[in-house]
Amino acid sequence: MTGVAFSFGYSDASAFSRAYRGWFGESPTQARHRMSGEN
């Protein structure tokens, strides 16, 4: 996820994760699990 965070201009993954949660209402990890069908 660090690479994704940097590509969106965030200096660290935790800042990106907080922003992602604000935009989508779930963490990037939760979204990844949901999209892959994991519980």
PDB file of N, CA and C in Angstrom:
ATOM      1  N   MET A   1       0.819  -1.187   0.000  1.00  0.00           N
ATOM      2  CA  MET A   1       0.000   0.000   0.000  1.00  0.00           C
ATOM      3  C   MET A   1       0.863   1.251   0.000  1.00  0.00           C
ATOM      4  N   THR A   2       2.076   1.158   0.467  1.00  0.00           N
ATOM      5  CA  THR A   2       2.954   2.325   0.511  1.00  0.00           C
ATOM      6  C   THR A   2       3.134   2.922  -0.874  1.00  0.00           C
ATOM      7  N   GLY A   3       3.302   2.077  -1.880  1.00  0.00           N
ATOM      8  CA  GLY A   3       3.445   2.567  -3.251  1.00  0.00           C
ATOM      9  C   GLY A   3       2.220   3.327  -3.716  1.00  0.00           C
ATOM     10  N   VAL A   4       1.052   2.833  -3.361  1.00  0.00           N
ATOM     11  CA  VAL A   4      -0.195   3.516  -3.725  1.00  0.00           C
ATOM     12  C   VAL A   4      -0.266   4.860  -3.017  1.00  0.00           C
ATOM     13  N   ALA A   5       0.070   4.880  -1.736  1.00  0.00           N
ATOM     14  CA  ALA A   5       0.043   6.128  -0.972  1.00  0.00           C
ATOM     15  C   ALA A   5       0.965   7.168  -1.600  1.00  0.00           C
ATOM     16  N   PHE A   6       2.188   6.763  -1.945  1.00  0.00           N
ATOM     17  CA  PHE A   6       3.131   7.698  -2.561  1.00  0.00           C
ATOM     18  C   PHE A   6       2.630   8.176  -3.917  1.00  0.00           C
ATOM     19  N   SER A   7       2.015   7.299  -4.694  1.00  0.00           N
ATOM     20  CA  SER A   7       1.541   7.699  -6.025  1.00  0.00           C
ATOM     21  C   SER A   7       0.413   8.722  -5.936  1.00  0.00           C
ATOM     22  N   PHE A   8      -0.299   8.755  -4.799  1.00  0.00           N
ATOM     23  CA  PHE A   8      -1.352   9.743  -4.598  1.00  0.00           C
ATOM     24  C   PHE A   8      -0.855  10.969  -3.837  1.00  0.00           C
ATOM     25  N   GLY A   9       0.454  11.026  -3.588  1.00  0.00           N
ATOM     26  CA  GLY A   9       1.039  12.204  -2.969  1.00  0.00           C
ATOM     27  C   GLY A   9       1.091  12.191  -1.452  1.00  0.00           C
ATOM     28  N   TYR A  10       0.826  11.049  -0.834  1.00  0.00           N
ATOM     29  CA  TYR A  10       0.893  10.952   0.625  1.00  0.00           C
ATOM     30  C   TYR A  10       2.290  10.536   1.046  1.00  0.00           C
ATOM     31  N   SER A  11       2.756  11.099   2.151  1.00  0.00           N
ATOM     32  CA  SER A  11       4.113  10.818   2.608  1.00  0.00           C
ATOM     33  C   SER A  11       4.229   9.484   3.336  1.00  0.00           C
ATOM     34  N   ASP A  12       3.104   8.983   3.836  1.00  0.00           N
ATOM     35  CA  ASP A  12       3.151   7.663   4.472  1.00  0.00           C
ATOM     36  C   ASP A  12       1.814   6.950   4.311  1.00  0.00           C
ATOM     37  N   ALA A  13       1.847   5.651   4.477  1.00  0.00           N
ATOM     38  CA  ALA A  13       0.667   4.822   4.248  1.00  0.00           C
ATOM     39  C   ALA A  13      -0.444   5.112   5.255  1.00  0.00           C
ATOM     40  N   SER A  14      -0.097   5.447   6.486  1.00  0.00           N
ATOM     41  CA  SER A  14      -1.140   5.687   7.484  1.00  0.00           C
ATOM     42  C   SER A  14      -1.967   6.926   7.153  1.00  0.00           C
ATOM     43  N   ALA A  15      -1.340   7.956   6.622  1.00  0.00           N
ATOM     44  CA  ALA A  15      -2.084   9.151   6.216  1.00  0.00           C
ATOM     45  C   ALA A  15      -3.037   8.823   5.071  1.00  0.00           C
ATOM     46  N   PHE A  16      -2.563   8.035   4.116  1.00  0.00           N
ATOM     47  CA  PHE A  16      -3.420   7.616   3.012  1.00  0.00           C
ATOM     48  C   PHE A  16      -4.578   6.762   3.528  1.00  0.00           C
ATOM     49  N   SER A  17      -4.293   5.859   4.442  1.00  0.00           N
ATOM     50  CA  SER A  17      -5.326   4.984   4.989  1.00  0.00           C
ATOM     51  C   SER A  17      -6.419   5.789   5.687  1.00  0.00           C
ATOM     52  N   ARG A  18      -6.032   6.796   6.453  1.00  0.00           N
ATOM     53  CA  ARG A  18      -7.020   7.658   7.119  1.00  0.00           C
ATOM     54  C   ARG A  18      -7.864   8.402   6.092  1.00  0.00           C
ATOM     55  N   ALA A  19      -7.233   8.938   5.057  1.00  0.00           N
ATOM     56  CA  ALA A  19      -7.975   9.647   4.018  1.00  0.00           C
ATOM     57  C   ALA A  19      -8.918   8.695   3.287  1.00  0.00           C
ATOM     58  N   TYR A  20      -8.436   7.508   2.958  1.00  0.00           N
ATOM     59  CA  TYR A  20      -9.249   6.505   2.266  1.00  0.00           C
ATOM     60  C   TYR A  20     -10.490   6.168   3.088  1.00  0.00           C
ATOM     61  N   ARG A  21     -10.284   5.980   4.397  1.00  0.00           N
ATOM     62  CA  ARG A  21     -11.415   5.671   5.274  1.00  0.00           C
ATOM     63  C   ARG A  21     -12.430   6.820   5.268  1.00  0.00           C
ATOM     64  N   GLY A  22     -11.964   8.040   5.241  1.00  0.00           N
ATOM     65  CA  GLY A  22     -12.865   9.185   5.179  1.00  0.00           C
ATOM     66  C   GLY A  22     -13.646   9.249   3.877  1.00  0.00           C
ATOM     67  N   TRP A  23     -12.997   8.898   2.771  1.00  0.00           N
ATOM     68  CA  TRP A  23     -13.663   8.936   1.467  1.00  0.00           C
ATOM     69  C   TRP A  23     -14.661   7.802   1.279  1.00  0.00           C
ATOM     70  N   PHE A  24     -14.271   6.593   1.693  1.00  0.00           N
ATOM     71  CA  PHE A  24     -15.046   5.400   1.347  1.00  0.00           C
ATOM     72  C   PHE A  24     -15.712   4.707   2.533  1.00  0.00           C
ATOM     73  N   GLY A  25     -15.420   5.144   3.752  1.00  0.00           N
ATOM     74  CA  GLY A  25     -16.062   4.565   4.917  1.00  0.00           C
ATOM     75  C   GLY A  25     -15.516   3.214   5.345  1.00  0.00           C
ATOM     76  N   GLU A  26     -14.394   2.806   4.792  1.00  0.00           N
ATOM     77  CA  GLU A  26     -13.720   1.576   5.186  1.00  0.00           C
ATOM     78  C   GLU A  26     -12.240   1.724   4.894  1.00  0.00           C
ATOM     79  N   SER A  27     -11.441   0.926   5.577  1.00  0.00           N
ATOM     80  CA  SER A  27      -9.998   1.006   5.358  1.00  0.00           C
ATOM     81  C   SER A  27      -9.624   0.337   4.041  1.00  0.00           C
ATOM     82  N   PRO A  28      -8.461   0.648   3.499  1.00  0.00           N
ATOM     83  CA  PRO A  28      -8.014  -0.040   2.286  1.00  0.00           C
ATOM     84  C   PRO A  28      -7.952  -1.558   2.475  1.00  0.00           C
ATOM     85  N   THR A  29      -7.554  -1.994   3.661  1.00  0.00           N
ATOM     86  CA  THR A  29      -7.495  -3.434   3.933  1.00  0.00           C
ATOM     87  C   THR A  29      -8.889  -4.044   3.891  1.00  0.00           C
ATOM     88  N   GLN A  30      -9.860  -3.372   4.498  1.00  0.00           N
ATOM     89  CA  GLN A  30     -11.233  -3.870   4.461  1.00  0.00           C
ATOM     90  C   GLN A  30     -11.744  -3.929   3.025  1.00  0.00           C
ATOM     91  N   ALA A  31     -11.449  -2.916   2.231  1.00  0.00           N
ATOM     92  CA  ALA A  31     -11.885  -2.899   0.834  1.00  0.00           C
ATOM     93  C   ALA A  31     -11.252  -4.042   0.059  1.00  0.00           C
ATOM     94  N   ARG A  32      -9.969  -4.282   0.282  1.00  0.00           N
ATOM     95  CA  ARG A  32      -9.280  -5.373  -0.409  1.00  0.00           C
ATOM     96  C   ARG A  32      -9.908  -6.716  -0.063  1.00  0.00           C
ATOM     97  N   HIS A  33     -10.209  -6.924   1.217  1.00  0.00           N
ATOM     98  CA  HIS A  33     -10.841  -8.180   1.632  1.00  0.00           C
ATOM     99  C   HIS A  33     -12.231  -8.313   1.009  1.00  0.00           C
ATOM    100  N   ARG A  34     -12.996  -7.233   1.031  1.00  0.00           N
ATOM    101  CA  ARG A  34     -14.347  -7.264   0.472  1.00  0.00           C
ATOM    102  C   ARG A  34     -14.308  -7.576  -1.019  1.00  0.00           C
ATOM    103  N   MET A  35     -13.404  -6.956  -1.747  1.00  0.00           N
ATOM    104  CA  MET A  35     -13.323  -7.152  -3.197  1.00  0.00           C
ATOM    105  C   MET A  35     -12.798  -8.532  -3.573  1.00  0.00           C
ATOM    106  N   SER A  36     -12.006  -9.124  -2.694  1.00  0.00           N
ATOM    107  CA  SER A  36     -11.454 -10.446  -3.006  1.00  0.00           C
ATOM    108  C   SER A  36     -12.349 -11.574  -2.503  1.00  0.00           C
ATOM    109  N   GLY A  37     -13.408 -11.220  -1.787  1.00  0.00           N
ATOM    110  CA  GLY A  37     -14.318 -12.228  -1.265  1.00  0.00           C
ATOM    111  C   GLY A  37     -13.888 -12.819   0.055  1.00  0.00           C
ATOM    112  N   GLU A  38     -12.836 -12.264   0.670  1.00  0.00           N
ATOM    113  CA  GLU A  38     -12.386 -12.738   1.977  1.00  0.00           C
ATOM    114  C   GLU A  38     -13.267 -12.150   3.065  1.00  0.00           C
ATOM    115  N   ASN A  39     -13.327 -12.827   4.203  1.00  0.00           N
ATOM    116  CA  ASN A  39     -14.099 -12.310   5.336  1.00  0.00           C
ATOM    117  C   ASN A  39     -13.227 -11.577   6.287  1.00  0.00           C
TER     118      ASN A  39
END
